[in-house]
Amino acid sequence: MPGSSGNGAVTRSTLRQQIADALRDEVLAGRLQPGQEFTVKEIAEQYGVSATPVREALVDLSAQGLLEADQHRGFRVHEFSLADFRGMIEARGLVTDGMFHGLANDRAGDVQGVRSLFVRANDPRAAAALAGVRRRGEEARRAAAAGELNILIGYDLRFWRELGALFGNPYLTDFLHRLRVQSWVCAVQHLRRLSDLRGHLWCDHTEVVDALARRDLADAHRIVDEYNVHSIALIEGLVNKHSADSAAGHGAGDGGGDAGTG
């Protein structure tokens, strides 16, 4: 009987992760909007599963900062502010700076484990790992150029997780992944107001890989810094435009015709 109990635990754990991933994707796709409320029962019925793995999945997403728990009303999608987004971008920059700093201080020995993949350029494992990360970057570039936001998010998250793994510190990698998920959740609610995203989405993933591969850390820093500046400017612009449009709409409704002239 211990074996069957263990299999049940594994199955429930897998289901828990599947539900968490599915709900995270629902939030990223904009089908679950910021502030939207739901209960464990509603999600369990939607996916045709028992309440236990759903509750566990929702608790996991709450711990990741994507949901808020209300013991009386269930859960709701967390509403991130523009200040939250700026903080996420700053934190992302500090994490990548730390990774690049580790690369600069690394040596050719294998003391750092996987991190040495970046150091030993002639190691076949390094070439294969970098090629894989670069392919993710190429797919992200194509999705960004086509304005395919959902596809871009998927490849972008894989790109940074796999790139982070090359530095050999799983804690930094997990933290960066969490920050990137949160920043995407915050950004998508604003990006989806644009009817055509082509030309608006950052797509220099491969340039980051190429700079790191040739150990040009200054260029890698420059690319990521420009990315962060671009991200903040884009979302700030969309937030300000939405606020101005809302104010103009209210002004027109109140008879304030001049409100829409800006």
Protein backbone atom coordinates (compact mmCIF):
# COMPACT_ATOMS: atom_id res chain seq x y z
CA MET A 1 0.00 0.00 0.00
CA PRO A 2 2.82 2.50 0.55
CA GLY A 3 3.47 2.39 -3.18
CA SER A 4 -0.07 3.34 -4.12
CA SER A 5 -0.09 6.13 -1.57
CA GLY A 6 3.13 7.49 -3.02
CA ASN A 7 1.75 7.38 -6.56
CA GLY A 8 -1.31 9.25 -5.40
CA ALA A 9 0.87 11.93 -3.84
CA VAL A 10 2.89 12.26 -7.03
CA THR A 11 -0.28 12.48 -9.12
CA ARG A 12 -1.75 15.15 -6.86
CA SER A 13 1.51 17.10 -6.86
CA THR A 14 1.64 16.95 -10.66
CA LEU A 15 -2.01 18.02 -10.92
CA ARG A 16 -1.35 20.84 -8.50
CA GLN A 17 1.48 22.11 -10.72
CA GLN A 18 -0.57 21.69 -13.88
CA ILE A 19 -3.41 23.74 -12.43
CA ALA A 20 -1.02 26.41 -11.19
CA ASP A 21 0.62 26.62 -14.63
CA ALA A 22 -2.75 26.77 -16.37
CA LEU A 23 -4.02 29.57 -14.13
CA ARG A 24 -0.77 31.49 -14.50
CA ASP A 25 -1.17 31.24 -18.28
CA GLU A 26 -4.77 32.45 -17.96
CA VAL A 27 -3.53 35.54 -16.12
CA LEU A 28 -0.72 36.14 -18.64
CA ALA A 29 -3.17 35.76 -21.52
CA GLY A 30 -5.48 38.34 -19.97
CA ARG A 31 -8.36 35.91 -19.57
CA LEU A 32 -8.13 36.37 -15.81
CA GLN A 33 -8.08 40.12 -15.25
CA PRO A 34 -6.48 42.03 -12.35
CA GLY A 35 -8.95 42.18 -9.48
CA GLN A 36 -11.07 39.31 -10.82
CA GLU A 37 -12.37 37.07 -8.04
CA PHE A 38 -13.05 33.34 -8.04
CA THR A 39 -13.42 30.46 -5.61
CA VAL A 40 -11.75 27.08 -5.24
CA LYS A 41 -15.05 25.45 -6.17
CA GLU A 42 -15.34 27.43 -9.42
CA ILE A 43 -11.82 26.47 -10.53
CA ALA A 44 -12.31 22.84 -9.50
CA GLU A 45 -15.50 22.65 -11.57
CA GLN A 46 -13.82 24.39 -14.51
CA TYR A 47 -11.00 21.82 -14.64
CA GLY A 48 -13.08 18.87 -13.47
CA VAL A 49 -10.87 18.03 -10.48
CA SER A 50 -11.19 17.87 -6.72
CA ALA A 51 -10.81 20.92 -4.54
CA THR A 52 -7.56 19.87 -2.83
CA PRO A 53 -5.06 20.28 -5.72
CA VAL A 54 -6.86 23.46 -6.78
CA ARG A 55 -6.55 24.97 -3.31
CA GLU A 56 -2.87 24.00 -3.20
CA ALA A 57 -2.28 25.52 -6.64
CA LEU A 58 -3.98 28.76 -5.64
CA VAL A 59 -1.92 28.95 -2.47
CA ASP A 60 1.22 28.47 -4.58
CA LEU A 61 0.22 31.30 -6.91
CA SER A 62 -0.56 33.48 -3.91
CA ALA A 63 2.94 32.81 -2.56
CA GLN A 64 4.31 33.90 -5.95
CA GLY A 65 2.44 37.18 -5.65
CA LEU A 66 0.04 36.56 -8.53
CA LEU A 67 -3.10 36.02 -6.44
CA GLU A 68 -4.49 37.37 -3.19
CA ALA A 69 -6.33 35.12 -0.76
CA ASP A 70 -9.49 36.17 1.04
CA GLN A 71 -10.72 33.50 3.41
CA HIS A 72 -14.31 34.64 3.02
CA ARG A 73 -14.44 35.36 -0.72
CA GLY A 74 -11.85 33.02 -2.21
CA PHE A 75 -9.05 34.41 -4.36
CA ARG A 76 -8.54 37.34 -6.72
CA VAL A 77 -5.91 38.25 -9.27
CA HIS A 78 -3.40 40.66 -7.79
CA GLU A 79 -3.47 44.19 -9.18
CA PHE A 80 0.06 45.50 -9.73
CA SER A 81 0.69 49.23 -9.87
CA LEU A 82 3.12 51.16 -12.06
CA ALA A 83 5.32 51.57 -8.97
CA ASP A 84 5.29 47.77 -8.60
CA PHE A 85 6.42 47.42 -12.21
CA ARG A 86 9.30 49.85 -11.73
CA GLY A 87 10.36 47.90 -8.65
CA MET A 88 10.26 44.61 -10.56
CA ILE A 89 12.40 46.02 -13.36
CA GLU A 90 14.92 47.36 -10.87
CA ALA A 91 15.06 43.99 -9.11
CA ARG A 92 15.44 42.16 -12.42
CA GLY A 93 18.37 44.40 -13.28
CA LEU A 94 20.06 43.70 -9.95
CA VAL A 95 19.69 39.94 -10.45
CA THR A 96 21.14 39.98 -13.96
CA ASP A 97 23.93 42.28 -12.77
CA GLY A 98 24.74 39.69 -10.11
CA MET A 99 24.82 36.91 -12.68
CA PHE A 100 27.08 38.85 -15.01
CA HIS A 101 29.33 39.79 -12.10
CA GLY A 102 29.68 36.10 -11.25
CA LEU A 103 30.72 35.42 -14.82
CA ALA A 104 33.33 38.16 -14.70
CA ASN A 105 34.86 36.70 -11.52
CA ASP A 106 34.68 33.05 -12.59
CA ARG A 107 37.75 31.05 -13.55
CA ALA A 108 38.32 28.20 -15.95
CA GLY A 109 38.16 25.55 -13.24
CA ASP A 110 35.06 23.52 -12.54
CA VAL A 111 34.68 24.78 -8.98
CA GLN A 112 31.49 26.62 -9.85
CA GLY A 113 29.85 23.61 -11.46
CA VAL A 114 27.50 24.49 -14.29
CA ARG A 115 28.73 28.06 -14.29
CA SER A 116 31.91 26.83 -15.96
CA LEU A 117 29.86 26.21 -19.12
CA PHE A 118 30.09 29.92 -19.77
CA VAL A 119 33.81 30.00 -19.07
CA ARG A 120 35.04 27.14 -21.21
CA ALA A 121 34.02 28.25 -24.67
CA ASN A 122 35.47 25.12 -26.26
CA ASP A 123 33.46 22.75 -24.08
CA PRO A 124 30.86 20.96 -26.26
CA ARG A 125 28.37 21.24 -23.40
CA ALA A 126 28.80 24.99 -23.38
CA ALA A 127 28.27 25.23 -27.12
CA ALA A 128 25.14 23.05 -26.95
CA ALA A 129 23.70 24.93 -23.97
CA LEU A 130 24.30 28.34 -25.53
CA ALA A 131 22.88 27.19 -28.85
CA GLY A 132 19.70 26.07 -27.08
CA VAL A 133 19.30 29.38 -25.28
CA ARG A 134 19.97 31.25 -28.51
CA ARG A 135 17.22 29.29 -30.27
CA ARG A 136 14.78 30.44 -27.60
CA GLY A 137 15.95 33.98 -28.28
CA GLU A 138 15.40 33.59 -32.01
CA GLU A 139 11.86 32.33 -31.43
CA ALA A 140 11.23 35.25 -29.08
CA ARG A 141 12.49 37.66 -31.73
CA ARG A 142 10.13 36.22 -34.34
CA ALA A 143 7.18 36.39 -31.96
CA ALA A 144 7.99 40.00 -31.01
CA ALA A 145 8.35 41.03 -34.65
CA ALA A 146 4.94 39.48 -35.40
CA GLY A 147 3.34 41.09 -32.34
CA GLU A 148 2.42 37.64 -30.96
CA LEU A 149 2.41 38.46 -27.26
CA ASN A 150 1.40 35.06 -25.88
CA ILE A 151 4.08 33.27 -27.90
CA LEU A 152 6.68 35.87 -26.95
CA ILE A 153 5.96 35.49 -23.24
CA GLY A 154 6.41 31.73 -23.39
CA TYR A 155 9.74 31.91 -25.20
CA ASP A 156 10.92 34.87 -23.15
CA LEU A 157 10.33 33.04 -19.86
CA ARG A 158 12.13 29.93 -21.16
CA PHE A 159 14.98 32.05 -22.52
CA TRP A 160 15.76 33.76 -19.23
CA ARG A 161 15.28 30.60 -17.16
CA GLU A 162 17.67 28.62 -19.38
CA LEU A 163 20.13 31.49 -19.58
CA GLY A 164 20.06 31.87 -15.80
CA ALA A 165 20.66 28.14 -15.35
CA LEU A 166 24.01 28.50 -17.13
CA PHE A 167 25.31 30.57 -14.22
CA GLY A 168 24.89 27.67 -11.81
CA ASN A 169 22.88 29.39 -9.06
CA PRO A 170 19.34 27.94 -8.95
CA TYR A 171 18.24 30.47 -6.32
CA LEU A 172 19.02 33.40 -8.59
CA THR A 173 17.43 31.59 -11.53
CA ASP A 174 14.19 30.93 -9.62
CA PHE A 175 14.06 34.48 -8.29
CA LEU A 176 14.61 35.94 -11.75
CA HIS A 177 11.88 33.69 -13.19
CA ARG A 178 9.43 34.80 -10.51
CA LEU A 179 10.23 38.46 -11.19
CA ARG A 180 9.80 37.98 -14.92
CA VAL A 181 6.42 36.28 -14.49
CA GLN A 182 5.25 39.09 -12.21
CA SER A 183 6.48 41.81 -14.55
CA TRP A 184 4.74 40.14 -17.50
CA VAL A 185 1.51 39.86 -15.49
CA CYS A 186 1.76 43.57 -14.75
CA ALA A 187 2.66 44.51 -18.33
CA VAL A 188 0.11 42.46 -20.29
CA GLN A 189 -2.91 44.34 -18.95
CA HIS A 190 -1.46 47.48 -20.56
CA LEU A 191 0.08 45.93 -23.67
CA ARG A 192 -3.24 44.40 -24.69
CA ARG A 193 -4.65 47.89 -25.13
CA LEU A 194 -2.51 48.18 -28.27
CA SER A 195 -4.21 46.82 -31.36
CA ASP A 196 -0.86 46.13 -33.04
CA LEU A 197 2.17 45.25 -30.92
CA ARG A 198 4.62 45.02 -33.79
CA GLY A 199 7.54 47.37 -33.24
CA HIS A 200 6.75 47.82 -29.55
CA LEU A 201 8.14 44.59 -28.06
CA TRP A 202 11.78 44.11 -27.07
CA CYS A 203 13.50 41.39 -29.08
CA ASP A 204 17.28 41.56 -28.48
CA HIS A 205 17.51 38.20 -26.72
CA THR A 206 20.12 36.82 -29.11
CA GLU A 207 22.26 39.92 -28.71
CA VAL A 208 22.48 39.21 -24.97
CA VAL A 209 23.62 35.64 -25.61
CA ASP A 210 26.18 36.71 -28.20
CA ALA A 211 27.64 39.36 -25.88
CA LEU A 212 27.95 36.86 -23.03
CA ALA A 213 29.41 34.21 -25.33
CA ARG A 214 32.25 36.54 -26.28
CA ARG A 215 32.52 37.66 -22.63
CA ASP A 216 31.71 41.25 -23.51
CA LEU A 217 30.03 42.02 -20.22
CA ALA A 218 29.88 45.76 -20.87
CA ASP A 219 27.79 45.14 -24.00
CA ALA A 220 25.59 42.61 -22.18
CA HIS A 221 24.96 45.16 -19.44
CA ARG A 222 24.19 47.84 -22.03
CA ILE A 223 21.66 45.63 -23.83
CA VAL A 224 19.84 44.66 -20.62
CA ASP A 225 19.89 48.25 -19.32
CA GLU A 226 18.37 49.48 -22.59
CA TYR A 227 15.77 46.74 -22.33
CA ASN A 228 14.80 47.82 -18.83
CA VAL A 229 14.57 51.49 -19.83
CA HIS A 230 12.46 50.51 -22.85
CA SER A 231 10.11 48.40 -20.68
CA ILE A 232 9.47 51.15 -18.16
CA ALA A 233 9.00 53.83 -20.83
CA LEU A 234 6.56 51.64 -22.78
CA ILE A 235 4.37 50.75 -19.82
CA GLU A 236 4.49 54.27 -18.35
CA GLY A 237 3.41 55.64 -21.72
CA LEU A 238 0.50 53.22 -21.95
CA VAL A 239 -0.60 53.90 -18.38
CA ASN A 240 -0.46 57.68 -18.90
CA LYS A 241 -2.36 57.43 -22.19
CA HIS A 242 -5.05 55.28 -20.61
CA SER A 243 -5.40 57.75 -17.73
CA ALA A 244 -5.63 60.67 -20.15
CA ASP A 245 -8.20 58.87 -22.30
CA SER A 246 -10.26 58.01 -19.21
CA ALA A 247 -10.13 61.60 -18.00
CA ALA A 248 -11.15 62.83 -21.44
CA GLY A 249 -14.04 60.39 -21.51
CA HIS A 250 -15.28 61.50 -18.10
CA GLY A 251 -14.87 65.14 -19.10
CA ALA A 252 -16.89 64.65 -22.27
CA GLY A 253 -19.58 62.86 -20.30
CA ASP A 254 -19.75 65.74 -17.85
CA GLY A 255 -19.98 68.31 -20.61
CA GLY A 256 -16.30 69.25 -20.35
CA GLY A 257 -15.56 69.33 -24.07
CA ASP A 258 -12.06 70.76 -23.59
CA ALA A 259 -10.92 67.68 -21.67
CA GLY A 260 -10.38 65.73 -24.88
CA THR A 261 -8.20 68.28 -26.64
CA GLY A 262 -4.98 67.02 -25.04
